[in-house]
Amino acid sequence: MADFKQRLKEIRTERGLTQQELGEKIGLHGMSISGYERGVRHPSFEALDSIADELNVSIDYLIGKSDVNKGY
């Protein structure tokens, strides 16, 4: 299974968003998204929830716990 940093980058690019754009949509700096995708930072639960909502995926899919991407 993929891990969070891989899934985040994959889904973000599929949605046509830059790191900066995703960050702005959820109230974070683009550097935070970059850190998540490089695996040097980890999101808070609130940030993880916001990312999943914005990208329309479940948290389980986003963190690699599930390979089923049903969204909400």
N, C-alpha and C. Protein backbone atom coordinates (compact mmCIF):
# COMPACT_ATOMS: atom_id res chain seq x y z
N MET A 1 0.83 -1.19 0.00
CA MET A 1 0.00 0.00 0.00
C MET A 1 0.87 1.25 0.00
N ALA A 2 0.34 2.28 -0.58
CA ALA A 2 1.03 3.57 -0.61
C ALA A 2 0.98 4.22 0.76
N ASP A 3 1.94 5.09 1.02
CA ASP A 3 1.91 5.82 2.28
C ASP A 3 1.35 7.23 2.05
N PHE A 4 1.19 7.95 3.15
CA PHE A 4 0.55 9.27 3.10
C PHE A 4 1.22 10.21 2.12
N LYS A 5 2.54 10.33 2.19
CA LYS A 5 3.21 11.31 1.33
C LYS A 5 3.02 11.00 -0.15
N GLN A 6 3.02 9.72 -0.51
CA GLN A 6 2.79 9.33 -1.91
C GLN A 6 1.36 9.62 -2.32
N ARG A 7 0.42 9.23 -1.46
CA ARG A 7 -0.99 9.44 -1.79
C ARG A 7 -1.32 10.92 -1.92
N LEU A 8 -0.81 11.72 -0.99
CA LEU A 8 -1.10 13.15 -1.03
C LEU A 8 -0.64 13.75 -2.34
N LYS A 9 0.58 13.49 -2.73
CA LYS A 9 1.10 14.06 -3.98
C LYS A 9 0.32 13.55 -5.18
N GLU A 10 0.04 12.26 -5.20
CA GLU A 10 -0.70 11.66 -6.31
C GLU A 10 -2.08 12.29 -6.48
N ILE A 11 -2.83 12.38 -5.38
CA ILE A 11 -4.19 12.91 -5.45
C ILE A 11 -4.17 14.40 -5.76
N ARG A 12 -3.25 15.14 -5.12
CA ARG A 12 -3.16 16.57 -5.37
C ARG A 12 -2.90 16.86 -6.85
N THR A 13 -1.96 16.12 -7.45
CA THR A 13 -1.64 16.36 -8.86
C THR A 13 -2.78 15.90 -9.76
N GLU A 14 -3.47 14.82 -9.40
CA GLU A 14 -4.65 14.39 -10.17
C GLU A 14 -5.72 15.46 -10.18
N ARG A 15 -5.82 16.20 -9.08
CA ARG A 15 -6.82 17.28 -8.98
C ARG A 15 -6.34 18.58 -9.64
N GLY A 16 -5.10 18.57 -10.13
CA GLY A 16 -4.56 19.74 -10.81
C GLY A 16 -4.21 20.89 -9.88
N LEU A 17 -3.87 20.57 -8.65
CA LEU A 17 -3.55 21.61 -7.66
C LEU A 17 -2.05 21.64 -7.40
N THR A 18 -1.52 22.84 -7.22
CA THR A 18 -0.14 22.98 -6.75
C THR A 18 -0.16 22.84 -5.23
N GLN A 19 1.01 22.70 -4.65
CA GLN A 19 1.10 22.65 -3.19
C GLN A 19 0.56 23.94 -2.59
N GLN A 20 0.90 25.05 -3.20
CA GLN A 20 0.44 26.35 -2.71
C GLN A 20 -1.08 26.45 -2.78
N GLU A 21 -1.67 26.02 -3.89
CA GLU A 21 -3.12 26.10 -4.04
C GLU A 21 -3.84 25.24 -3.01
N LEU A 22 -3.36 24.03 -2.80
CA LEU A 22 -3.99 23.17 -1.80
C LEU A 22 -3.85 23.79 -0.41
N GLY A 23 -2.67 24.29 -0.12
CA GLY A 23 -2.46 24.94 1.17
C GLY A 23 -3.42 26.10 1.39
N GLU A 24 -3.58 26.93 0.39
CA GLU A 24 -4.49 28.08 0.51
C GLU A 24 -5.93 27.64 0.73
N LYS A 25 -6.34 26.58 0.06
CA LYS A 25 -7.71 26.09 0.19
C LYS A 25 -8.03 25.58 1.59
N ILE A 26 -7.01 25.09 2.29
CA ILE A 26 -7.26 24.53 3.62
C ILE A 26 -6.65 25.38 4.74
N GLY A 27 -6.12 26.53 4.40
CA GLY A 27 -5.62 27.44 5.42
C GLY A 27 -4.21 27.15 5.90
N LEU A 28 -3.40 26.52 5.05
CA LEU A 28 -2.01 26.24 5.39
C LEU A 28 -1.10 26.86 4.34
N HIS A 29 0.16 26.95 4.68
CA HIS A 29 1.16 27.44 3.74
C HIS A 29 1.55 26.30 2.81
N GLY A 30 1.89 26.62 1.58
CA GLY A 30 2.33 25.61 0.63
C GLY A 30 3.53 24.83 1.11
N MET A 31 4.37 25.45 1.94
CA MET A 31 5.54 24.75 2.48
C MET A 31 5.13 23.61 3.41
N SER A 32 3.98 23.75 4.05
CA SER A 32 3.48 22.65 4.89
C SER A 32 3.14 21.45 4.02
N ILE A 33 2.47 21.70 2.92
CA ILE A 33 2.12 20.62 1.99
C ILE A 33 3.39 19.97 1.45
N SER A 34 4.37 20.78 1.10
CA SER A 34 5.65 20.27 0.62
C SER A 34 6.29 19.37 1.67
N GLY A 35 6.27 19.79 2.91
CA GLY A 35 6.84 18.99 3.99
C GLY A 35 6.12 17.67 4.16
N TYR A 36 4.80 17.68 4.03
CA TYR A 36 4.02 16.44 4.13
C TYR A 36 4.42 15.50 2.99
N GLU A 37 4.55 16.04 1.79
CA GLU A 37 4.86 15.20 0.63
C GLU A 37 6.30 14.67 0.66
N ARG A 38 7.17 15.36 1.34
CA ARG A 38 8.55 14.88 1.48
C ARG A 38 8.72 13.98 2.69
N GLY A 39 7.72 13.94 3.54
CA GLY A 39 7.78 13.09 4.72
C GLY A 39 8.55 13.68 5.88
N VAL A 40 8.83 14.99 5.83
CA VAL A 40 9.56 15.63 6.92
C VAL A 40 8.64 16.32 7.93
N ARG A 41 7.37 16.43 7.57
CA ARG A 41 6.36 16.99 8.46
C ARG A 41 5.16 16.06 8.46
N HIS A 42 4.40 16.10 9.53
CA HIS A 42 3.19 15.30 9.63
C HIS A 42 2.03 16.22 10.00
N PRO A 43 0.90 16.07 9.33
CA PRO A 43 -0.23 16.96 9.60
C PRO A 43 -0.91 16.66 10.92
N SER A 44 -1.49 17.68 11.50
CA SER A 44 -2.35 17.48 12.66
C SER A 44 -3.60 16.76 12.17
N PHE A 45 -4.40 16.25 13.10
CA PHE A 45 -5.64 15.59 12.70
C PHE A 45 -6.54 16.57 11.95
N GLU A 46 -6.59 17.81 12.42
CA GLU A 46 -7.44 18.80 11.78
C GLU A 46 -6.98 19.07 10.34
N ALA A 47 -5.66 19.17 10.15
CA ALA A 47 -5.14 19.39 8.80
C ALA A 47 -5.41 18.18 7.91
N LEU A 48 -5.23 16.99 8.45
CA LEU A 48 -5.49 15.77 7.70
C LEU A 48 -6.96 15.70 7.27
N ASP A 49 -7.84 16.05 8.17
CA ASP A 49 -9.27 16.07 7.88
C ASP A 49 -9.58 17.09 6.78
N SER A 50 -8.98 18.26 6.87
CA SER A 50 -9.19 19.31 5.86
C SER A 50 -8.67 18.87 4.49
N ILE A 51 -7.51 18.24 4.47
CA ILE A 51 -6.92 17.76 3.21
C ILE A 51 -7.85 16.72 2.58
N ALA A 52 -8.31 15.76 3.38
CA ALA A 52 -9.19 14.71 2.86
C ALA A 52 -10.48 15.32 2.32
N ASP A 53 -11.06 16.28 3.05
CA ASP A 53 -12.28 16.95 2.58
C ASP A 53 -12.04 17.67 1.27
N GLU A 54 -10.97 18.45 1.20
CA GLU A 54 -10.68 19.23 0.00
C GLU A 54 -10.43 18.34 -1.22
N LEU A 55 -9.76 17.22 -1.00
CA LEU A 55 -9.43 16.32 -2.12
C LEU A 55 -10.52 15.28 -2.37
N ASN A 56 -11.57 15.31 -1.53
CA ASN A 56 -12.72 14.42 -1.67
C ASN A 56 -12.32 12.94 -1.61
N VAL A 57 -11.52 12.61 -0.60
CA VAL A 57 -11.13 11.22 -0.36
C VAL A 57 -11.30 10.95 1.13
N SER A 58 -11.34 9.67 1.48
CA SER A 58 -11.42 9.33 2.90
C SER A 58 -10.04 9.46 3.54
N ILE A 59 -10.02 9.67 4.83
CA ILE A 59 -8.74 9.73 5.54
C ILE A 59 -8.03 8.38 5.43
N ASP A 60 -8.77 7.28 5.52
CA ASP A 60 -8.16 5.96 5.40
C ASP A 60 -7.44 5.81 4.06
N TYR A 61 -8.05 6.28 2.99
CA TYR A 61 -7.40 6.20 1.68
C TYR A 61 -6.16 7.10 1.66
N LEU A 62 -6.31 8.29 2.17
CA LEU A 62 -5.22 9.25 2.14
C LEU A 62 -3.99 8.76 2.91
N ILE A 63 -4.20 8.10 4.03
CA ILE A 63 -3.05 7.64 4.82
C ILE A 63 -2.57 6.25 4.41
N GLY A 64 -3.20 5.67 3.40
CA GLY A 64 -2.75 4.38 2.89
C GLY A 64 -3.30 3.18 3.63
N LYS A 65 -4.29 3.40 4.47
CA LYS A 65 -4.89 2.30 5.22
C LYS A 65 -5.87 1.51 4.36
N SER A 66 -6.36 2.14 3.31
CA SER A 66 -7.31 1.50 2.40
C SER A 66 -6.92 1.84 0.97
N ASP A 67 -7.16 0.90 0.08
CA ASP A 67 -6.94 1.16 -1.34
C ASP A 67 -8.23 1.52 -2.05
N VAL A 68 -9.32 1.62 -1.31
CA VAL A 68 -10.61 1.97 -1.88
C VAL A 68 -10.82 3.46 -1.74
N ASN A 69 -10.89 4.14 -2.87
CA ASN A 69 -11.06 5.60 -2.89
C ASN A 69 -12.50 5.92 -3.27
N LYS A 70 -13.34 5.97 -2.27
CA LYS A 70 -14.75 6.26 -2.52
C LYS A 70 -15.08 7.72 -2.28
N GLY A 71 -14.19 8.45 -1.62
CA GLY A 71 -14.48 9.84 -1.31
C GLY A 71 -15.65 9.94 -0.36
N TYR A 72 -16.26 11.10 -0.35
CA TYR A 72 -17.40 11.33 0.54
C TYR A 72 -18.66 11.39 -0.24
